[in-house]
Amino acid sequence: MKMTLLYVLSLVALAVHSAVAAESEPPASSEVTAAMQPYLDSYKLAGVIGLIADKSGKVHYKNLLGYADVDAKKPISEDNVS
């Protein structure tokens, strides 16, 4: 599971620019949701931003899961990538 998390986070770093420039919103990946949900449920992660893109930079799937601020119950968003 750690490799999956690292892979998803790496994709975020490589594809943030493409996600912002995308014309239409890509769907969420059920596989990413299934892989990350145990970490959210066990409170090991507050939130996850995951992108799956091809080498040209086109984003095929985008997942925004969990919270940017757990106490305030503020959902995570693309703006939370720094």
C-alpha atoms as a PDB file:
ATOM      1  CA  MET A   1       0.000   0.000   0.000  1.00  0.00           C
ATOM      2  CA  LYS A   2       2.913   2.389   0.642  1.00  0.00           C
ATOM      3  CA  MET A   3       4.025   2.052  -2.988  1.00  0.00           C
ATOM      4  CA  THR A   4       0.493   2.871  -4.149  1.00  0.00           C
ATOM      5  CA  LEU A   5       0.473   5.994  -2.009  1.00  0.00           C
ATOM      6  CA  LEU A   6       3.881   7.075  -3.291  1.00  0.00           C
ATOM      7  CA  TYR A   7       2.803   6.434  -6.877  1.00  0.00           C
ATOM      8  CA  VAL A   8      -0.361   8.509  -6.490  1.00  0.00           C
ATOM      9  CA  LEU A   9       1.513  11.363  -4.817  1.00  0.00           C
ATOM     10  CA  SER A  10       4.147  11.293  -7.557  1.00  0.00           C
ATOM     11  CA  LEU A  11       1.453  11.621 -10.164  1.00  0.00           C
ATOM     12  CA  VAL A  12       0.097  14.634  -8.322  1.00  0.00           C
ATOM     13  CA  ALA A  13       3.458  16.368  -8.532  1.00  0.00           C
ATOM     14  CA  LEU A  14       3.806  15.593 -12.247  1.00  0.00           C
ATOM     15  CA  ALA A  15       0.260  16.362 -13.355  1.00  0.00           C
ATOM     16  CA  VAL A  16      -0.999  19.352 -11.348  1.00  0.00           C
ATOM     17  CA  HIS A  17      -0.436  21.716 -14.243  1.00  0.00           C
ATOM     18  CA  SER A  18      -2.341  19.419 -16.618  1.00  0.00           C
ATOM     19  CA  ALA A  19      -5.254  19.092 -14.215  1.00  0.00           C
ATOM     20  CA  VAL A  20      -5.700  22.845 -14.072  1.00  0.00           C
ATOM     21  CA  ALA A  21      -5.545  23.157 -17.853  1.00  0.00           C
ATOM     22  CA  ALA A  22      -7.932  20.279 -18.554  1.00  0.00           C
ATOM     23  CA  GLU A  23     -11.062  21.272 -20.458  1.00  0.00           C
ATOM     24  CA  SER A  24     -13.446  18.890 -18.691  1.00  0.00           C
ATOM     25  CA  GLU A  25     -13.315  17.311 -15.269  1.00  0.00           C
ATOM     26  CA  PRO A  26     -11.930  13.772 -15.387  1.00  0.00           C
ATOM     27  CA  PRO A  27     -13.823  11.138 -13.391  1.00  0.00           C
ATOM     28  CA  ALA A  28     -12.634   9.736 -10.074  1.00  0.00           C
ATOM     29  CA  SER A  29     -10.802   6.412 -10.210  1.00  0.00           C
ATOM     30  CA  SER A  30     -12.538   3.693  -8.229  1.00  0.00           C
ATOM     31  CA  GLU A  31      -9.194   1.895  -7.894  1.00  0.00           C
ATOM     32  CA  VAL A  32      -7.521   4.919  -6.286  1.00  0.00           C
ATOM     33  CA  THR A  33     -10.513   5.396  -3.984  1.00  0.00           C
ATOM     34  CA  ALA A  34     -10.369   1.726  -2.937  1.00  0.00           C
ATOM     35  CA  ALA A  35      -6.597   1.891  -2.342  1.00  0.00           C
ATOM     36  CA  MET A  36      -6.713   5.103  -0.288  1.00  0.00           C
ATOM     37  CA  GLN A  37      -9.944   4.585   1.669  1.00  0.00           C
ATOM     38  CA  PRO A  38      -8.351   2.338   4.345  1.00  0.00           C
ATOM     39  CA  TYR A  39      -5.820   5.098   5.111  1.00  0.00           C
ATOM     40  CA  LEU A  40      -8.613   7.648   5.446  1.00  0.00           C
ATOM     41  CA  ASP A  41     -10.782   5.305   7.535  1.00  0.00           C
ATOM     42  CA  SER A  42      -7.910   4.538   9.928  1.00  0.00           C
ATOM     43  CA  TYR A  43      -7.013   8.248  10.218  1.00  0.00           C
ATOM     44  CA  LYS A  44      -3.505   7.672   8.836  1.00  0.00           C
ATOM     45  CA  LEU A  45      -4.255  10.288   6.183  1.00  0.00           C
ATOM     46  CA  ALA A  46      -6.551  13.299   6.444  1.00  0.00           C
ATOM     47  CA  GLY A  47      -6.900  13.703   2.701  1.00  0.00           C
ATOM     48  CA  VAL A  48      -5.576  12.556  -0.648  1.00  0.00           C
ATOM     49  CA  ILE A  49      -5.336  14.191  -4.039  1.00  0.00           C
ATOM     50  CA  GLY A  50      -4.647  11.616  -6.729  1.00  0.00           C
ATOM     51  CA  LEU A  51      -4.259  12.063 -10.466  1.00  0.00           C
ATOM     52  CA  ILE A  52      -3.697   9.466 -13.127  1.00  0.00           C
ATOM     53  CA  ALA A  53      -2.216  10.981 -16.256  1.00  0.00           C
ATOM     54  CA  ASP A  54      -0.504   9.705 -19.372  1.00  0.00           C
ATOM     55  CA  LYS A  55       2.980  10.762 -20.401  1.00  0.00           C
ATOM     56  CA  SER A  56       1.583  13.573 -22.548  1.00  0.00           C
ATOM     57  CA  GLY A  57       0.080  15.105 -19.403  1.00  0.00           C
ATOM     58  CA  LYS A  58      -3.577  14.352 -20.135  1.00  0.00           C
ATOM     59  CA  VAL A  59      -5.370  13.614 -16.847  1.00  0.00           C
ATOM     60  CA  HIS A  60      -7.642  10.575 -17.122  1.00  0.00           C
ATOM     61  CA  TYR A  61      -8.745  10.275 -13.484  1.00  0.00           C
ATOM     62  CA  LYS A  62      -8.772  12.688 -10.553  1.00  0.00           C
ATOM     63  CA  ASN A  63      -9.567  11.820  -6.952  1.00  0.00           C
ATOM     64  CA  LEU A  64     -10.086  14.334  -4.151  1.00  0.00           C
ATOM     65  CA  LEU A  65     -10.661  12.350  -0.959  1.00  0.00           C
ATOM     66  CA  GLY A  66     -10.876  13.394   2.674  1.00  0.00           C
ATOM     67  CA  TYR A  67     -10.248  16.741   4.313  1.00  0.00           C
ATOM     68  CA  ALA A  68      -7.844  19.660   4.016  1.00  0.00           C
ATOM     69  CA  ASP A  69      -8.886  20.629   7.562  1.00  0.00           C
ATOM     70  CA  VAL A  70     -10.312  17.742   9.580  1.00  0.00           C
ATOM     71  CA  ASP A  71     -11.448  19.858  12.552  1.00  0.00           C
ATOM     72  CA  ALA A  72     -13.362  22.267  10.306  1.00  0.00           C
ATOM     73  CA  LYS A  73     -14.478  19.398   8.029  1.00  0.00           C
ATOM     74  CA  LYS A  74     -13.192  21.381   5.042  1.00  0.00           C
ATOM     75  CA  PRO A  75     -12.984  19.013   2.049  1.00  0.00           C
ATOM     76  CA  ILE A  76      -9.673  18.722   0.246  1.00  0.00           C
ATOM     77  CA  SER A  77      -9.404  20.529  -3.096  1.00  0.00           C
ATOM     78  CA  GLU A  78      -6.869  21.087  -5.855  1.00  0.00           C
ATOM     79  CA  ASP A  79      -5.909  24.333  -4.116  1.00  0.00           C
ATOM     80  CA  ASN A  80      -4.371  22.289  -1.300  1.00  0.00           C
ATOM     81  CA  VAL A  81      -1.421  21.199  -3.465  1.00  0.00           C
ATOM     82  CA  SER A  82       1.657  23.242  -2.696  1.00  0.00           C
END
